[in-house]
Amino acid sequence: MSATASGGPIRVMQSFRAPRATTNPYITMLDNALGESHEVVHLRFDWRGALVGRYDVFHWHWPEGKLHGSTWWRTAGKCALTAALWLRLRLSRRIAVVRTVHNVELPDDGRMRTALLARIERDADLLIVLNSATRVGDRPSALIPHGHYRDWYAAQPRADRVRGRIGAFGGVRRYKNVSVLVDAYADAARRRPELSLEIGGRPSTPELGRNLEQRAQQLPNVDLQLRFLPDGELVRLATQSELVVLAYRFMHNSGSVLAALSLDRPVLVPRNPVNEALAREVGERWVHMYDGELHGDQLLAALSVVAEIPEGSQPDLRRRDWQRAAADHAAAYRRALTVKRGRA
């Protein structure tokens, strides 16, 4: 008898394995939440179980991660296994397929791999979106917001807030516009010499790191930590900051924004529908937005407002609770099974 027919827990295989120290925190926290749920039998990924095992729902996260190995023949083997898994799921009249839409567009991963990813996306019975701005047309979907990081960072000591300190953290990539932040800081610091800036994160290319070092070389009170930051250092950087600035060219689902808010630090981010909705949700004094390209005036305006936030204040992250996320996932899995039965 099926789980839905008996009213028992649903057997759900995730596309991720047991989390490691370097695993995306979102996956680790979701793994913990689903493992504690009484509504789901939580199955971590393994190839044998995925290809021939018994489960009710398969849940994809970043399927492109299944298409690459350390050598060309391992890559070819993984692509063949992923294609076999896709075929099993496509032909099954019983197994529902759920996919979380972490990114707006599929990665450009070569013609054959991109074609397989497109088929995986097309054949999902239900899509989970992390915010209301993700467009999926009329396809069955469920909105389950990205959970907070409060529990994740709970064991790390907080630092005292430093007046006038601007912080930025996360992998340094071109679309994150860190060089624009440095230039905006240079403009602001000419008017407020007591300001300081700390940036932490590994650059995606050596050239990007060198460019930042050259831009910051003559600026006062700038500290560049151009490397991967362990949790303790990230928490120290964020909590010392009076304002965390993320000057991305494009921002849709940002873990760094939620990390800063989970550490009770306000953010300055580009204005878009996602960030406007986030400001309404958590409190507008916690999410400040700018239009166009970031410049010094916008930094100074945000700093003047966040300076009034009392110590001990917290943004409202109740919608981001992980127990709630687990219950919402269980409901999405049941709905996906209903959709699958309707199609069958």
C-alpha atoms as a PDB file:
ATOM      1  CA  MET A   1       0.000   0.000   0.000  1.00  0.00           C
ATOM      2  CA  SER A   2       1.364   3.463  -0.895  1.00  0.00           C
ATOM      3  CA  ALA A   3       2.262   6.084   1.690  1.00  0.00           C
ATOM      4  CA  THR A   4      -0.520   8.394   0.537  1.00  0.00           C
ATOM      5  CA  ALA A   5      -3.098   5.618   0.553  1.00  0.00           C
ATOM      6  CA  SER A   6      -2.148   4.482   4.069  1.00  0.00           C
ATOM      7  CA  GLY A   7      -1.702   8.011   5.434  1.00  0.00           C
ATOM      8  CA  GLY A   8       1.837   7.079   6.486  1.00  0.00           C
ATOM      9  CA  PRO A   9       5.062   8.993   5.848  1.00  0.00           C
ATOM     10  CA  ILE A  10       6.239   9.544   2.272  1.00  0.00           C
ATOM     11  CA  ARG A  11       9.503   7.936   1.146  1.00  0.00           C
ATOM     12  CA  VAL A  12      11.476  10.769  -0.466  1.00  0.00           C
ATOM     13  CA  MET A  13      14.913  10.420  -2.031  1.00  0.00           C
ATOM     14  CA  GLN A  14      16.874  13.640  -2.259  1.00  0.00           C
ATOM     15  CA  SER A  15      19.467  14.252  -4.966  1.00  0.00           C
ATOM     16  CA  PHE A  16      22.108  15.047  -2.311  1.00  0.00           C
ATOM     17  CA  ARG A  17      24.252  12.670  -0.293  1.00  0.00           C
ATOM     18  CA  ALA A  18      25.083  12.939   3.415  1.00  0.00           C
ATOM     19  CA  PRO A  19      26.272  16.532   3.959  1.00  0.00           C
ATOM     20  CA  ARG A  20      29.963  17.234   4.609  1.00  0.00           C
ATOM     21  CA  ALA A  21      31.707  20.222   6.169  1.00  0.00           C
ATOM     22  CA  THR A  22      31.915  21.929   2.762  1.00  0.00           C
ATOM     23  CA  THR A  23      28.273  21.268   1.779  1.00  0.00           C
ATOM     24  CA  ASN A  24      26.012  24.246   1.071  1.00  0.00           C
ATOM     25  CA  PRO A  25      24.400  25.115   4.451  1.00  0.00           C
ATOM     26  CA  TYR A  26      20.952  25.163   2.827  1.00  0.00           C
ATOM     27  CA  ILE A  27      21.317  21.459   2.034  1.00  0.00           C
ATOM     28  CA  THR A  28      22.662  20.620   5.494  1.00  0.00           C
ATOM     29  CA  MET A  29      19.817  22.434   7.256  1.00  0.00           C
ATOM     30  CA  LEU A  30      17.182  20.905   4.961  1.00  0.00           C
ATOM     31  CA  ASP A  31      18.737  17.475   5.557  1.00  0.00           C
ATOM     32  CA  ASN A  32      18.447  17.973   9.330  1.00  0.00           C
ATOM     33  CA  ALA A  33      14.877  19.289   9.139  1.00  0.00           C
ATOM     34  CA  LEU A  34      13.613  16.457   6.931  1.00  0.00           C
ATOM     35  CA  GLY A  35      15.465  13.892   9.040  1.00  0.00           C
ATOM     36  CA  GLU A  36      13.467  15.054  12.081  1.00  0.00           C
ATOM     37  CA  SER A  37      10.121  15.089  10.240  1.00  0.00           C
ATOM     38  CA  HIS A  38       7.534  12.419  11.049  1.00  0.00           C
ATOM     39  CA  GLU A  39       5.831  13.006   7.700  1.00  0.00           C
ATOM     40  CA  VAL A  40       8.773  11.940   5.537  1.00  0.00           C
ATOM     41  CA  VAL A  41      11.072   8.934   5.331  1.00  0.00           C
ATOM     42  CA  HIS A  42      14.177  10.910   4.419  1.00  0.00           C
ATOM     43  CA  LEU A  43      16.472   9.090   1.977  1.00  0.00           C
ATOM     44  CA  ARG A  44      19.843  10.522   1.005  1.00  0.00           C
ATOM     45  CA  PHE A  45      21.077   9.895  -2.507  1.00  0.00           C
ATOM     46  CA  ASP A  46      22.967   6.846  -3.699  1.00  0.00           C
ATOM     47  CA  TRP A  47      23.049   5.580  -7.273  1.00  0.00           C
ATOM     48  CA  ARG A  48      21.794   2.074  -6.570  1.00  0.00           C
ATOM     49  CA  GLY A  49      18.886   3.300  -4.473  1.00  0.00           C
ATOM     50  CA  ALA A  50      18.008   5.976  -7.027  1.00  0.00           C
ATOM     51  CA  LEU A  51      18.043   3.591  -9.984  1.00  0.00           C
ATOM     52  CA  VAL A  52      16.369   0.518  -8.501  1.00  0.00           C
ATOM     53  CA  GLY A  53      15.241   1.411  -4.971  1.00  0.00           C
ATOM     54  CA  ARG A  54      11.728   2.016  -3.666  1.00  0.00           C
ATOM     55  CA  TYR A  55      10.595   5.565  -2.978  1.00  0.00           C
ATOM     56  CA  ASP A  56       7.527   7.711  -3.630  1.00  0.00           C
ATOM     57  CA  VAL A  57       9.162  11.017  -4.571  1.00  0.00           C
ATOM     58  CA  PHE A  58      12.516  12.044  -6.041  1.00  0.00           C
ATOM     59  CA  HIS A  59      13.629  15.603  -5.199  1.00  0.00           C
ATOM     60  CA  TRP A  60      16.171  17.332  -7.448  1.00  0.00           C
ATOM     61  CA  HIS A  61      18.532  20.058  -6.198  1.00  0.00           C
ATOM     62  CA  TRP A  62      21.095  21.442  -8.687  1.00  0.00           C
ATOM     63  CA  PRO A  63      20.975  18.393 -11.005  1.00  0.00           C
ATOM     64  CA  GLU A  64      23.988  19.742 -12.884  1.00  0.00           C
ATOM     65  CA  GLY A  65      26.094  18.497  -9.968  1.00  0.00           C
ATOM     66  CA  LYS A  66      25.396  14.924 -11.100  1.00  0.00           C
ATOM     67  CA  LEU A  67      26.966  15.514 -14.527  1.00  0.00           C
ATOM     68  CA  HIS A  68      30.628  16.052 -13.676  1.00  0.00           C
ATOM     69  CA  GLY A  69      33.467  13.808 -12.510  1.00  0.00           C
ATOM     70  CA  SER A  70      37.179  14.228 -11.865  1.00  0.00           C
ATOM     71  CA  THR A  71      38.107  12.746 -15.296  1.00  0.00           C
ATOM     72  CA  TRP A  72      36.443  12.685 -18.686  1.00  0.00           C
ATOM     73  CA  TRP A  73      35.438   9.044 -18.320  1.00  0.00           C
ATOM     74  CA  ARG A  74      33.945   9.662 -14.880  1.00  0.00           C
ATOM     75  CA  THR A  75      32.028  12.577 -16.341  1.00  0.00           C
ATOM     76  CA  ALA A  76      30.767  10.363 -19.170  1.00  0.00           C
ATOM     77  CA  GLY A  77      29.737   7.693 -16.663  1.00  0.00           C
ATOM     78  CA  LYS A  78      27.884  10.189 -14.473  1.00  0.00           C
ATOM     79  CA  CYS A  79      26.057  11.618 -17.472  1.00  0.00           C
ATOM     80  CA  ALA A  80      24.984   8.090 -18.483  1.00  0.00           C
ATOM     81  CA  LEU A  81      23.778   7.295 -14.944  1.00  0.00           C
ATOM     82  CA  THR A  82      21.881  10.595 -14.719  1.00  0.00           C
ATOM     83  CA  ALA A  83      20.242   9.907 -18.068  1.00  0.00           C
ATOM     84  CA  ALA A  84      19.231   6.452 -16.811  1.00  0.00           C
ATOM     85  CA  LEU A  85      17.754   7.986 -13.654  1.00  0.00           C
ATOM     86  CA  TRP A  86      15.856  10.570 -15.697  1.00  0.00           C
ATOM     87  CA  LEU A  87      14.469   7.769 -17.872  1.00  0.00           C
ATOM     88  CA  ARG A  88      13.367   5.738 -14.847  1.00  0.00           C
ATOM     89  CA  LEU A  89      11.562   8.728 -13.361  1.00  0.00           C
ATOM     90  CA  ARG A  90      10.005   9.693 -16.685  1.00  0.00           C
ATOM     91  CA  LEU A  91       8.635   6.198 -17.313  1.00  0.00           C
ATOM     92  CA  SER A  92       7.438   5.581 -13.765  1.00  0.00           C
ATOM     93  CA  ARG A  93       3.690   5.864 -13.198  1.00  0.00           C
ATOM     94  CA  ARG A  94       4.219   5.929  -9.420  1.00  0.00           C
ATOM     95  CA  ILE A  95       7.250   8.103  -8.542  1.00  0.00           C
ATOM     96  CA  ALA A  96       6.617  11.844  -8.424  1.00  0.00           C
ATOM     97  CA  VAL A  97       9.453  14.248  -9.265  1.00  0.00           C
ATOM     98  CA  VAL A  98      10.010  17.532  -7.419  1.00  0.00           C
ATOM     99  CA  ARG A  99      12.653  20.111  -8.291  1.00  0.00           C
ATOM    100  CA  THR A 100      13.710  23.145  -6.278  1.00  0.00           C
ATOM    101  CA  VAL A 101      14.364  26.135  -8.533  1.00  0.00           C
ATOM    102  CA  HIS A 102      17.539  27.487  -6.926  1.00  0.00           C
ATOM    103  CA  ASN A 103      18.578  29.412 -10.062  1.00  0.00           C
ATOM    104  CA  VAL A 104      16.475  31.266 -12.606  1.00  0.00           C
ATOM    105  CA  GLU A 105      18.274  29.847 -15.656  1.00  0.00           C
ATOM    106  CA  LEU A 106      19.854  26.500 -16.474  1.00  0.00           C
ATOM    107  CA  PRO A 107      23.668  26.564 -16.519  1.00  0.00           C
ATOM    108  CA  ASP A 108      25.444  26.693 -19.876  1.00  0.00           C
ATOM    109  CA  ASP A 109      26.992  23.240 -19.561  1.00  0.00           C
ATOM    110  CA  GLY A 110      27.532  22.051 -23.121  1.00  0.00           C
ATOM    111  CA  ARG A 111      24.829  21.027 -25.554  1.00  0.00           C
ATOM    112  CA  MET A 112      24.232  17.439 -24.398  1.00  0.00           C
ATOM    113  CA  ARG A 113      24.322  18.159 -20.674  1.00  0.00           C
ATOM    114  CA  THR A 114      22.128  21.247 -21.028  1.00  0.00           C
ATOM    115  CA  ALA A 115      19.616  19.220 -23.046  1.00  0.00           C
ATOM    116  CA  LEU A 116      19.452  16.616 -20.256  1.00  0.00           C
ATOM    117  CA  LEU A 117      19.006  19.330 -17.630  1.00  0.00           C
ATOM    118  CA  ALA A 118      16.177  20.821 -19.698  1.00  0.00           C
ATOM    119  CA  ARG A 119      14.440  17.431 -19.782  1.00  0.00           C
ATOM    120  CA  ILE A 120      14.829  17.028 -16.017  1.00  0.00           C
ATOM    121  CA  GLU A 121      13.297  20.484 -15.541  1.00  0.00           C
ATOM    122  CA  ARG A 122      10.473  19.828 -18.003  1.00  0.00           C
ATOM    123  CA  ASP A 123       9.469  16.487 -16.464  1.00  0.00           C
ATOM    124  CA  ALA A 124       9.195  17.633 -12.844  1.00  0.00           C
ATOM    125  CA  ASP A 125       5.689  17.122 -11.483  1.00  0.00           C
ATOM    126  CA  LEU A 126       6.061  20.044  -9.065  1.00  0.00           C
ATOM    127  CA  LEU A 127       8.507  22.915  -8.713  1.00  0.00           C
ATOM    128  CA  ILE A 128       9.513  24.423  -5.372  1.00  0.00           C
ATOM    129  CA  VAL A 129      10.374  28.129  -5.566  1.00  0.00           C
ATOM    130  CA  LEU A 130      12.185  30.033  -2.825  1.00  0.00           C
ATOM    131  CA  ASN A 131      10.524  33.381  -3.445  1.00  0.00           C
ATOM    132  CA  SER A 132       7.389  34.739  -5.101  1.00  0.00           C
ATOM    133  CA  ALA A 133       9.325  36.416  -7.926  1.00  0.00           C
ATOM    134  CA  THR A 134      10.422  33.096  -9.472  1.00  0.00           C
ATOM    135  CA  ARG A 135       8.236  32.586 -12.534  1.00  0.00           C
ATOM    136  CA  VAL A 136       7.155  29.046 -13.408  1.00  0.00           C
ATOM    137  CA  GLY A 137       4.098  29.798 -15.548  1.00  0.00           C
ATOM    138  CA  ASP A 138       1.062  27.638 -14.861  1.00  0.00           C
ATOM    139  CA  ARG A 139       3.062  24.612 -13.705  1.00  0.00           C
ATOM    140  CA  PRO A 140       2.278  23.095 -10.279  1.00  0.00           C
ATOM    141  CA  SER A 141       4.493  24.807  -7.721  1.00  0.00           C
ATOM    142  CA  ALA A 142       4.954  25.486  -4.020  1.00  0.00           C
ATOM    143  CA  LEU A 143       6.546  28.546  -2.394  1.00  0.00           C
ATOM    144  CA  ILE A 144       8.846  27.496   0.451  1.00  0.00           C
ATOM    145  CA  PRO A 145      11.125  30.374   1.546  1.00  0.00           C
ATOM    146  CA  HIS A 146      14.830  29.745   2.130  1.00  0.00           C
ATOM    147  CA  GLY A 147      15.250  28.979   5.835  1.00  0.00           C
ATOM    148  CA  HIS A 148      17.254  31.170   8.198  1.00  0.00           C
ATOM    149  CA  TYR A 149      20.795  30.541   9.501  1.00  0.00           C
ATOM    150  CA  ARG A 150      20.205  31.284  13.177  1.00  0.00           C
ATOM    151  CA  ASP A 151      20.669  27.686  14.292  1.00  0.00           C
ATOM    152  CA  TRP A 152      23.572  27.211  11.893  1.00  0.00           C
ATOM    153  CA  TYR A 153      25.568  30.034  13.490  1.00  0.00           C
ATOM    154  CA  ALA A 154      24.289  29.578  17.047  1.00  0.00           C
ATOM    155  CA  ALA A 155      27.547  28.100  18.363  1.00  0.00           C
ATOM    156  CA  GLN A 156      29.737  30.892  16.960  1.00  0.00           C
ATOM    157  CA  PRO A 157      30.631  33.858  19.226  1.00  0.00           C
ATOM    158  CA  ARG A 158      29.419  37.280  18.104  1.00  0.00           C
ATOM    159  CA  ALA A 159      31.650  40.339  17.869  1.00  0.00           C
ATOM    160  CA  ASP A 160      30.755  43.850  19.021  1.00  0.00           C
ATOM    161  CA  ARG A 161      29.337  46.129  16.338  1.00  0.00           C
ATOM    162  CA  VAL A 162      31.852  48.706  15.072  1.00  0.00           C
ATOM    163  CA  ARG A 163      30.356  52.076  14.207  1.00  0.00           C
ATOM    164  CA  GLY A 164      30.871  52.940  10.546  1.00  0.00           C
ATOM    165  CA  ARG A 165      32.028  49.422   9.594  1.00  0.00           C
ATOM    166  CA  ILE A 166      30.814  48.129   6.230  1.00  0.00           C
ATOM    167  CA  GLY A 167      31.082  44.421   5.544  1.00  0.00           C
ATOM    168  CA  ALA A 168      30.707  42.109   2.563  1.00  0.00           C
ATOM    169  CA  PHE A 169      31.200  38.346   2.435  1.00  0.00           C
ATOM    170  CA  GLY A 170      30.698  35.350   0.167  1.00  0.00           C
ATOM    171  CA  GLY A 171      32.518  34.120  -2.912  1.00  0.00           C
ATOM    172  CA  VAL A 172      33.893  37.065  -4.903  1.00  0.00           C
ATOM    173  CA  ARG A 173      32.488  36.833  -8.431  1.00  0.00           C
ATOM    174  CA  ARG A 174      32.047  39.418 -11.167  1.00  0.00           C
ATOM    175  CA  TYR A 175      28.261  39.555 -10.910  1.00  0.00           C
ATOM    176  CA  LYS A 176      28.573  40.395  -7.204  1.00  0.00           C
ATOM    177  CA  ASN A 177      30.076  43.780  -8.138  1.00  0.00           C
ATOM    178  CA  VAL A 178      32.556  43.910  -5.249  1.00  0.00           C
ATOM    179  CA  SER A 179      34.740  46.371  -7.147  1.00  0.00           C
ATOM    180  CA  VAL A 180      31.765  48.756  -7.350  1.00  0.00           C
ATOM    181  CA  LEU A 181      31.395  48.498  -3.564  1.00  0.00           C
ATOM    182  CA  VAL A 182      35.080  49.415  -3.141  1.00  0.00           C
ATOM    183  CA  ASP A 183      34.656  52.463  -5.393  1.00  0.00           C
ATOM    184  CA  ALA A 184      31.505  53.539  -3.531  1.00  0.00           C
ATOM    185  CA  TYR A 185      33.363  53.173  -0.238  1.00  0.00           C
ATOM    186  CA  ALA A 186      36.198  55.357  -1.572  1.00  0.00           C
ATOM    187  CA  ASP A 187      33.658  58.098  -2.306  1.00  0.00           C
ATOM    188  CA  ALA A 188      31.985  57.755   1.108  1.00  0.00           C
ATOM    189  CA  ALA A 189      35.264  57.625   3.035  1.00  0.00           C
ATOM    190  CA  ARG A 190      36.366  60.965   1.565  1.00  0.00           C
ATOM    191  CA  ARG A 191      33.468  62.529   3.461  1.00  0.00           C
ATOM    192  CA  ARG A 192      33.580  60.280   6.546  1.00  0.00           C
ATOM    193  CA  PRO A 193      37.216  59.275   7.153  1.00  0.00           C
ATOM    194  CA  GLU A 194      36.250  57.175  10.203  1.00  0.00           C
ATOM    195  CA  LEU A 195      34.477  54.591   8.010  1.00  0.00           C
ATOM    196  CA  SER A 196      35.990  51.148   7.535  1.00  0.00           C
ATOM    197  CA  LEU A 197      35.417  48.292   5.094  1.00  0.00           C
ATOM    198  CA  GLU A 198      36.067  44.557   5.353  1.00  0.00           C
ATOM    199  CA  ILE A 199      35.515  42.119   2.491  1.00  0.00           C
ATOM    200  CA  GLY A 200      35.816  38.366   2.921  1.00  0.00           C
ATOM    201  CA  GLY A 201      35.582  35.608   0.340  1.00  0.00           C
ATOM    202  CA  ARG A 202      37.557  33.661  -2.250  1.00  0.00           C
ATOM    203  CA  PRO A 203      37.778  35.323  -5.702  1.00  0.00           C
ATOM    204  CA  SER A 204      36.631  33.202  -8.628  1.00  0.00           C
ATOM    205  CA  THR A 205      39.770  34.208 -10.576  1.00  0.00           C
ATOM    206  CA  PRO A 206      43.230  35.513  -9.552  1.00  0.00           C
ATOM    207  CA  GLU A 207      42.654  38.502 -11.842  1.00  0.00           C
ATOM    208  CA  LEU A 208      39.562  39.506  -9.872  1.00  0.00           C
ATOM    209  CA  GLY A 209      41.509  39.343  -6.611  1.00  0.00           C
ATOM    210  CA  ARG A 210      44.368  41.443  -7.990  1.00  0.00           C
ATOM    211  CA  ASN A 211      41.917  44.041  -9.288  1.00  0.00           C
ATOM    212  CA  LEU A 212      40.353  44.423  -5.837  1.00  0.00           C
ATOM    213  CA  GLU A 213      43.755  44.713  -4.165  1.00  0.00           C
ATOM    214  CA  GLN A 214      44.781  47.469  -6.591  1.00  0.00           C
ATOM    215  CA  ARG A 215      41.522  49.388  -6.047  1.00  0.00           C
ATOM    216  CA  ALA A 216      41.837  49.175  -2.263  1.00  0.00           C
ATOM    217  CA  GLN A 217      45.580  49.783  -1.993  1.00  0.00           C
ATOM    218  CA  GLN A 218      45.400  53.541  -1.396  1.00  0.00           C
ATOM    219  CA  LEU A 219      42.149  53.552   0.592  1.00  0.00           C
ATOM    220  CA  PRO A 220      42.005  54.017   4.374  1.00  0.00           C
ATOM    221  CA  ASN A 221      40.709  51.336   6.752  1.00  0.00           C
ATOM    222  CA  VAL A 222      40.143  48.582   4.181  1.00  0.00           C
ATOM    223  CA  ASP A 223      40.738  44.934   5.090  1.00  0.00           C
ATOM    224  CA  LEU A 224      40.554  42.331   2.324  1.00  0.00           C
ATOM    225  CA  GLN A 225      40.300  38.667   3.345  1.00  0.00           C
ATOM    226  CA  LEU A 226      40.414  37.147  -0.138  1.00  0.00           C
ATOM    227  CA  ARG A 227      40.009  33.501   0.842  1.00  0.00           C
ATOM    228  CA  PHE A 228      37.340  31.107   1.978  1.00  0.00           C
ATOM    229  CA  LEU A 229      36.048  32.173   5.393  1.00  0.00           C
ATOM    230  CA  PRO A 230      35.201  29.484   7.968  1.00  0.00           C
ATOM    231  CA  ASP A 231      31.970  30.058   9.855  1.00  0.00           C
ATOM    232  CA  GLY A 232      33.668  31.627  12.861  1.00  0.00           C
ATOM    233  CA  GLU A 233      35.412  34.273  10.747  1.00  0.00           C
ATOM    234  CA  LEU A 234      32.287  34.972   8.712  1.00  0.00           C
ATOM    235  CA  VAL A 235      30.277  35.527  11.899  1.00  0.00           C
ATOM    236  CA  ARG A 236      32.991  37.812  13.278  1.00  0.00           C
ATOM    237  CA  LEU A 237      33.081  39.861  10.033  1.00  0.00           C
ATOM    238  CA  ALA A 238      29.296  40.150   9.802  1.00  0.00           C
ATOM    239  CA  THR A 239      28.616  41.006  13.431  1.00  0.00           C
ATOM    240  CA  GLN A 240      31.369  43.628  13.571  1.00  0.00           C
ATOM    241  CA  SER A 241      29.720  45.332  10.581  1.00  0.00           C
ATOM    242  CA  GLU A 242      27.159  48.053  11.097  1.00  0.00           C
ATOM    243  CA  LEU A 243      25.915  47.382   7.562  1.00  0.00           C
ATOM    244  CA  VAL A 244      26.401  44.400   5.229  1.00  0.00           C
ATOM    245  CA  VAL A 245      26.465  45.488   1.587  1.00  0.00           C
ATOM    246  CA  LEU A 246      25.790  43.118  -1.324  1.00  0.00           C
ATOM    247  CA  ALA A 247      26.068  45.129  -4.530  1.00  0.00           C
ATOM    248  CA  TYR A 248      25.113  42.308  -6.921  1.00  0.00           C
ATOM    249  CA  ARG A 249      24.244  43.060 -10.542  1.00  0.00           C
ATOM    250  CA  PHE A 250      21.587  40.344 -10.311  1.00  0.00           C
ATOM    251  CA  MET A 251      20.116  39.017  -7.071  1.00  0.00           C
ATOM    252  CA  HIS A 252      17.410  36.385  -6.828  1.00  0.00           C
ATOM    253  CA  ASN A 253      18.005  33.797  -4.080  1.00  0.00           C
ATOM    254  CA  SER A 254      20.855  35.079  -1.913  1.00  0.00           C
ATOM    255  CA  GLY A 255      22.079  33.015   1.015  1.00  0.00           C
ATOM    256  CA  SER A 256      24.387  35.878   2.029  1.00  0.00           C
ATOM    257  CA  VAL A 257      21.433  38.218   2.627  1.00  0.00           C
ATOM    258  CA  LEU A 258      19.783  35.658   4.908  1.00  0.00           C
ATOM    259  CA  ALA A 259      23.076  34.937   6.664  1.00  0.00           C
ATOM    260  CA  ALA A 260      23.470  38.627   7.529  1.00  0.00           C
ATOM    261  CA  LEU A 261      19.859  38.933   8.707  1.00  0.00           C
ATOM    262  CA  SER A 262      20.198  35.734  10.748  1.00  0.00           C
ATOM    263  CA  LEU A 263      23.142  37.405  12.495  1.00  0.00           C
ATOM    264  CA  ASP A 264      20.947  40.475  13.174  1.00  0.00           C
ATOM    265  CA  ARG A 265      22.754  42.765  10.793  1.00  0.00           C
ATOM    266  CA  PRO A 266      20.972  45.049   8.288  1.00  0.00           C
ATOM    267  CA  VAL A 267      21.765  44.817   4.592  1.00  0.00           C
ATOM    268  CA  LEU A 268      22.024  47.192   1.647  1.00  0.00           C
ATOM    269  CA  VAL A 269      21.017  45.475  -1.603  1.00  0.00           C
ATOM    270  CA  PRO A 270      19.829  46.411  -5.114  1.00  0.00           C
ATOM    271  CA  ARG A 271      16.148  47.214  -5.437  1.00  0.00           C
ATOM    272  CA  ASN A 272      14.136  44.447  -7.079  1.00  0.00           C
ATOM    273  CA  PRO A 273      10.838  42.641  -6.357  1.00  0.00           C
ATOM    274  CA  VAL A 274      12.570  39.911  -4.321  1.00  0.00           C
ATOM    275  CA  ASN A 275      14.276  42.368  -1.983  1.00  0.00           C
ATOM    276  CA  GLU A 276      11.185  44.571  -1.704  1.00  0.00           C
ATOM    277  CA  ALA A 277       9.190  41.527  -0.575  1.00  0.00           C
ATOM    278  CA  LEU A 278      11.960  40.556   1.860  1.00  0.00           C
ATOM    279  CA  ALA A 279      11.892  44.059   3.392  1.00  0.00           C
ATOM    280  CA  ARG A 280       8.136  43.813   3.941  1.00  0.00           C
ATOM    281  CA  GLU A 281       8.586  40.389   5.529  1.00  0.00           C
ATOM    282  CA  VAL A 282      11.456  41.005   7.962  1.00  0.00           C
ATOM    283  CA  GLY A 283      11.069  44.754   8.611  1.00  0.00           C
ATOM    284  CA  GLU A 284      12.066  47.622   6.354  1.00  0.00           C
ATOM    285  CA  ARG A 285      14.782  48.972   8.644  1.00  0.00           C
ATOM    286  CA  TRP A 286      16.674  45.692   8.078  1.00  0.00           C
ATOM    287  CA  VAL A 287      16.650  45.694   4.267  1.00  0.00           C
ATOM    288  CA  HIS A 288      17.798  48.900   2.575  1.00  0.00           C
ATOM    289  CA  MET A 289      17.799  49.204  -1.199  1.00  0.00           C
ATOM    290  CA  TYR A 290      19.432  51.368  -3.807  1.00  0.00           C
ATOM    291  CA  ASP A 291      18.549  52.063  -7.434  1.00  0.00           C
ATOM    292  CA  GLY A 292      20.998  51.928 -10.324  1.00  0.00           C
ATOM    293  CA  GLU A 293      24.714  51.626  -9.573  1.00  0.00           C
ATOM    294  CA  LEU A 294      25.852  51.788  -5.964  1.00  0.00           C
ATOM    295  CA  HIS A 295      27.658  54.992  -4.980  1.00  0.00           C
ATOM    296  CA  GLY A 296      28.884  56.737  -1.853  1.00  0.00           C
ATOM    297  CA  ASP A 297      25.733  58.740  -1.156  1.00  0.00           C
ATOM    298  CA  GLN A 298      23.680  55.550  -0.909  1.00  0.00           C
ATOM    299  CA  LEU A 299      26.175  54.000   1.509  1.00  0.00           C
ATOM    300  CA  LEU A 300      26.092  57.071   3.735  1.00  0.00           C
ATOM    301  CA  ALA A 301      22.293  57.282   3.674  1.00  0.00           C
ATOM    302  CA  ALA A 302      21.934  53.626   4.716  1.00  0.00           C
ATOM    303  CA  LEU A 303      24.554  53.976   7.453  1.00  0.00           C
ATOM    304  CA  SER A 304      22.743  56.959   8.949  1.00  0.00           C
ATOM    305  CA  VAL A 305      19.521  54.905   9.265  1.00  0.00           C
ATOM    306  CA  VAL A 306      20.980  51.636  10.562  1.00  0.00           C
ATOM    307  CA  ALA A 307      22.924  53.488  13.251  1.00  0.00           C
ATOM    308  CA  GLU A 308      19.565  53.976  15.000  1.00  0.00           C
ATOM    309  CA  ILE A 309      18.826  50.233  15.276  1.00  0.00           C
ATOM    310  CA  PRO A 310      19.112  49.344  18.993  1.00  0.00           C
ATOM    311  CA  GLU A 311      21.493  46.598  20.068  1.00  0.00           C
ATOM    312  CA  GLY A 312      19.628  43.341  20.607  1.00  0.00           C
ATOM    313  CA  SER A 313      17.029  44.022  17.902  1.00  0.00           C
ATOM    314  CA  GLN A 314      16.249  41.231  15.454  1.00  0.00           C
ATOM    315  CA  PRO A 315      14.576  41.009  12.050  1.00  0.00           C
ATOM    316  CA  ASP A 316      11.396  38.925  11.832  1.00  0.00           C
ATOM    317  CA  LEU A 317      12.449  35.544  10.391  1.00  0.00           C
ATOM    318  CA  ARG A 318       9.474  33.474  11.570  1.00  0.00           C
ATOM    319  CA  ARG A 319       8.571  32.467   8.014  1.00  0.00           C
ATOM    320  CA  ARG A 320      12.087  31.042   7.666  1.00  0.00           C
ATOM    321  CA  ASP A 321      11.821  28.470  10.461  1.00  0.00           C
ATOM    322  CA  TRP A 322      13.178  25.068   9.387  1.00  0.00           C
ATOM    323  CA  GLN A 323      10.463  23.011  11.092  1.00  0.00           C
ATOM    324  CA  ARG A 324       7.947  24.974   9.068  1.00  0.00           C
ATOM    325  CA  ALA A 325      10.045  24.356   5.943  1.00  0.00           C
ATOM    326  CA  ALA A 326      10.015  20.596   6.615  1.00  0.00           C
ATOM    327  CA  ALA A 327       6.212  20.594   6.987  1.00  0.00           C
ATOM    328  CA  ASP A 328       5.872  22.656   3.796  1.00  0.00           C
ATOM    329  CA  HIS A 329       8.120  20.202   1.932  1.00  0.00           C
ATOM    330  CA  ALA A 330       6.003  17.270   3.120  1.00  0.00           C
ATOM    331  CA  ALA A 331       2.876  19.041   1.837  1.00  0.00           C
ATOM    332  CA  ALA A 332       4.613  19.699  -1.501  1.00  0.00           C
ATOM    333  CA  TYR A 333       5.563  16.028  -1.812  1.00  0.00           C
ATOM    334  CA  ARG A 334       1.950  14.955  -1.216  1.00  0.00           C
ATOM    335  CA  ARG A 335       0.743  17.444  -3.801  1.00  0.00           C
ATOM    336  CA  ALA A 336       3.337  16.188  -6.299  1.00  0.00           C
ATOM    337  CA  LEU A 337       2.028  12.651  -5.818  1.00  0.00           C
ATOM    338  CA  THR A 338      -1.503  13.883  -6.486  1.00  0.00           C
ATOM    339  CA  VAL A 339      -0.299  15.576  -9.689  1.00  0.00           C
ATOM    340  CA  LYS A 340       1.526  12.383 -10.733  1.00  0.00           C
ATOM    341  CA  ARG A 341      -1.575  10.253 -10.159  1.00  0.00           C
ATOM    342  CA  GLY A 342      -3.615  12.705 -12.225  1.00  0.00           C
ATOM    343  CA  ARG A 343      -1.185  12.466 -15.120  1.00  0.00           C
ATOM    344  CA  ALA A 344      -0.999   8.666 -14.870  1.00  0.00           C
END
